[in-house]
Amino acid sequence: MIRKSIAIDMDDTVADTLSRHIERYQQEFGITLDRKDMLGKKIYDIVPKEHLATVRQFPHHPDFFKDLPVFDNAVQVIKELSQEYRIYFASAAMEYPSSFNAKYAWLKKHFPFINELNFIFCGYKGVLNCDYLIDDSSCHIDVFSGQGYLFDSTHNHYETGYQRVNNWLDVKSKFLTD
């Protein structure tokens, strides 16, 4: 029997990219940002206009994606999912080509039980041929032909019309039965 497949986004789905943005912003400008101020917005929407060009460059640095924090329970739940489903990591890395090495190393470090041939670095997630997609960006779910799940993040907090998962324990409850 062929197992169903799940494509999982990396940034702000398993890796806490927003924390890195906040950290770099504080280092660069000496200002601490509060996640609560970002509900329904991206960091680019809340920083002063004169800081925007610098902030937009953060993810282009080759080390930006190195050693990102992993969301709670992500590793354990994905390990359990991999027993029942074919797991793929699908990152829209084409936005930041300098991120490939760091993202690859990060995935190998935190998810050594997933074969690196299941790492997909792409731009347009409409090409994915999986049964499910877990992603924090609704634009990727909109073009995906399978069932998408919007992973809760500050920037998508108010988006409606999508099946949502709030965290990795919520993912587990949707995909695994005890």
Protein backbone atom coordinates (compact mmCIF):
# COMPACT_ATOMS: atom_id res chain seq x y z
CA MET A 1 0.00 0.00 0.00
CA ILE A 2 1.32 3.45 -0.92
CA ARG A 3 1.49 5.80 2.02
CA LYS A 4 0.05 9.28 1.65
CA SER A 5 2.50 12.17 1.50
CA ILE A 6 2.89 15.39 3.47
CA ALA A 7 4.94 18.35 2.27
CA ILE A 8 6.06 20.56 5.14
CA ASP A 9 7.29 24.12 4.78
CA MET A 10 10.38 25.10 6.75
CA ASP A 11 10.32 28.82 7.61
CA ASP A 12 7.81 29.76 10.30
CA THR A 13 6.38 26.24 10.17
CA VAL A 14 9.14 24.11 11.71
CA ALA A 15 11.86 26.79 12.00
CA ASP A 16 11.23 29.98 13.98
CA THR A 17 12.42 32.47 11.38
CA LEU A 18 10.58 35.37 13.00
CA SER A 19 12.77 35.04 16.11
CA ARG A 20 15.85 35.49 13.91
CA HIS A 21 14.32 38.60 12.32
CA ILE A 22 13.58 40.05 15.76
CA GLU A 23 17.10 39.19 16.98
CA ARG A 24 18.80 40.77 13.94
CA TYR A 25 16.59 43.85 14.18
CA GLN A 26 17.55 44.34 17.81
CA GLN A 27 21.25 43.91 16.97
CA GLU A 28 21.06 46.34 14.04
CA PHE A 29 18.84 49.06 15.51
CA GLY A 30 18.84 48.49 19.29
CA ILE A 31 15.05 48.14 19.28
CA THR A 32 13.19 45.09 20.59
CA LEU A 33 10.11 44.15 18.60
CA ASP A 34 7.11 42.48 20.22
CA ARG A 35 5.37 39.60 18.42
CA LYS A 36 2.02 40.90 19.66
CA ASP A 37 2.48 43.99 17.50
CA MET A 38 2.81 41.75 14.45
CA LEU A 39 -0.53 39.94 14.62
CA GLY A 40 -1.83 39.90 11.06
CA LYS A 41 1.35 41.56 9.77
CA LYS A 42 4.86 40.71 8.65
CA ILE A 43 7.91 42.35 10.15
CA TYR A 44 8.18 44.44 6.98
CA ASP A 45 4.81 46.01 7.82
CA ILE A 46 5.77 47.26 11.28
CA VAL A 47 9.34 48.58 11.03
CA PRO A 48 9.93 52.24 10.21
CA LYS A 49 10.29 52.97 6.51
CA GLU A 50 13.93 53.98 6.96
CA HIS A 51 14.76 50.50 8.35
CA LEU A 52 12.89 48.52 5.71
CA ALA A 53 15.70 48.09 3.17
CA THR A 54 18.05 46.74 5.85
CA VAL A 55 15.42 44.38 7.27
CA ARG A 56 14.62 43.04 3.78
CA GLN A 57 18.29 42.13 3.40
CA PHE A 58 18.44 40.01 6.60
CA PRO A 59 17.32 36.73 4.93
CA HIS A 60 19.83 37.21 2.11
CA HIS A 61 22.75 36.74 4.49
CA PRO A 62 24.05 33.14 4.22
CA ASP A 63 23.98 32.68 8.02
CA PHE A 64 20.45 33.98 8.55
CA PHE A 65 18.93 30.49 8.38
CA LYS A 66 21.72 28.81 10.37
CA ASP A 67 20.81 27.50 13.83
CA LEU A 68 17.20 28.72 13.80
CA PRO A 69 15.11 27.59 16.76
CA VAL A 70 12.83 24.61 16.10
CA PHE A 71 9.18 24.95 17.04
CA ASP A 72 8.08 22.94 20.07
CA ASN A 73 7.23 19.30 19.33
CA ALA A 74 8.05 19.60 15.61
CA VAL A 75 10.84 17.02 15.60
CA GLN A 76 8.95 14.40 17.59
CA VAL A 77 5.67 14.83 15.71
CA ILE A 78 7.35 14.73 12.29
CA LYS A 79 9.26 11.62 13.37
CA GLU A 80 5.93 9.99 14.28
CA LEU A 81 4.35 11.20 11.03
CA SER A 82 7.22 9.66 9.07
CA GLN A 83 6.15 6.23 10.32
CA GLU A 84 2.76 6.63 8.63
CA TYR A 85 3.35 9.12 5.78
CA ARG A 86 6.00 9.97 3.20
CA ILE A 87 7.43 13.27 4.48
CA TYR A 88 8.92 15.99 2.30
CA PHE A 89 10.28 19.36 3.32
CA ALA A 90 9.33 21.99 0.73
CA SER A 91 10.95 25.38 1.16
CA ALA A 92 10.41 28.32 -1.18
CA ALA A 93 14.17 28.86 -1.01
CA MET A 94 14.33 30.46 -4.45
CA GLU A 95 13.46 33.74 -2.70
CA TYR A 96 16.82 33.54 -0.91
CA PRO A 97 19.28 31.48 -3.00
CA SER A 98 22.08 32.05 -0.46
CA SER A 99 19.97 30.09 2.04
CA PHE A 100 20.36 26.66 0.40
CA ASN A 101 23.42 25.49 2.35
CA ALA A 102 22.15 26.69 5.72
CA LYS A 103 18.67 25.26 5.16
CA TYR A 104 20.04 21.93 4.01
CA ALA A 105 22.38 21.70 7.04
CA TRP A 106 19.56 22.76 9.38
CA LEU A 107 17.21 20.07 8.04
CA LYS A 108 19.94 17.40 8.24
CA LYS A 109 20.71 18.40 11.84
CA HIS A 110 17.15 18.46 13.16
CA PHE A 111 15.51 15.84 10.94
CA PRO A 112 18.20 13.20 10.25
CA PHE A 113 15.47 10.57 9.90
CA ILE A 114 14.16 12.24 6.71
CA ASN A 115 16.14 11.38 3.58
CA GLU A 116 17.75 14.46 2.01
CA LEU A 117 16.23 13.40 -1.32
CA ASN A 118 12.96 14.48 0.29
CA PHE A 119 14.18 18.10 0.63
CA ILE A 120 12.57 20.24 -2.06
CA PHE A 121 13.91 23.74 -2.65
CA CYS A 122 11.50 25.50 -4.94
CA GLY A 123 9.71 28.75 -5.59
CA TYR A 124 6.24 27.80 -6.76
CA LYS A 125 4.64 25.17 -4.52
CA GLY A 126 1.92 24.48 -7.05
CA VAL A 127 4.31 21.93 -8.58
CA LEU A 128 4.27 19.76 -5.46
CA ASN A 129 2.61 16.40 -5.95
CA CYS A 130 1.73 15.48 -2.38
CA ASP A 131 -1.51 14.72 -0.62
CA TYR A 132 -1.07 17.41 2.06
CA LEU A 133 0.83 20.65 2.56
CA ILE A 134 1.50 22.26 5.92
CA ASP A 135 2.61 25.86 5.36
CA ASP A 136 2.36 29.25 7.06
CA SER A 137 1.78 31.10 3.75
CA SER A 138 -1.70 30.97 2.32
CA CYS A 139 -0.35 31.90 -1.13
CA HIS A 140 1.34 28.49 -1.27
CA ILE A 141 -1.78 26.69 -0.12
CA ASP A 142 -3.82 28.56 -2.75
CA VAL A 143 -1.79 27.01 -5.60
CA PHE A 144 -1.41 23.55 -4.04
CA SER A 145 -3.61 20.85 -5.58
CA GLY A 146 -3.88 18.66 -2.46
CA GLN A 147 -5.26 19.48 0.98
CA GLY A 148 -3.49 22.45 2.55
CA TYR A 149 -3.23 23.28 6.24
CA LEU A 150 -2.33 26.80 7.26
CA PHE A 151 0.18 26.65 10.11
CA ASP A 152 -0.60 29.44 12.58
CA SER A 153 1.87 32.30 12.54
CA THR A 154 1.69 35.93 13.59
CA HIS A 155 1.43 37.15 9.98
CA ASN A 156 -1.50 34.87 9.07
CA HIS A 157 -3.29 35.14 12.40
CA TYR A 158 -6.43 36.75 10.98
CA GLU A 159 -6.66 34.81 7.71
CA THR A 160 -9.80 32.77 7.30
CA GLY A 161 -11.05 30.24 4.80
CA TYR A 162 -8.28 27.70 5.43
CA GLN A 163 -8.02 24.55 7.45
CA ARG A 164 -5.62 25.56 10.22
CA VAL A 165 -3.19 23.89 12.56
CA ASN A 166 -2.06 25.90 15.55
CA ASN A 167 1.07 23.97 16.53
CA TRP A 168 2.73 20.58 16.09
CA LEU A 169 0.54 18.83 18.66
CA ASP A 170 -2.45 20.03 16.66
CA VAL A 171 -0.82 18.57 13.50
CA LYS A 172 -0.40 15.27 15.35
CA SER A 173 -4.07 15.20 16.32
CA LYS A 174 -5.14 15.81 12.69
CA PHE A 175 -2.90 13.19 11.12
CA LEU A 176 -2.29 10.48 13.71
CA THR A 177 -4.68 8.44 15.76
CA ASP A 178 -3.60 6.84 19.00
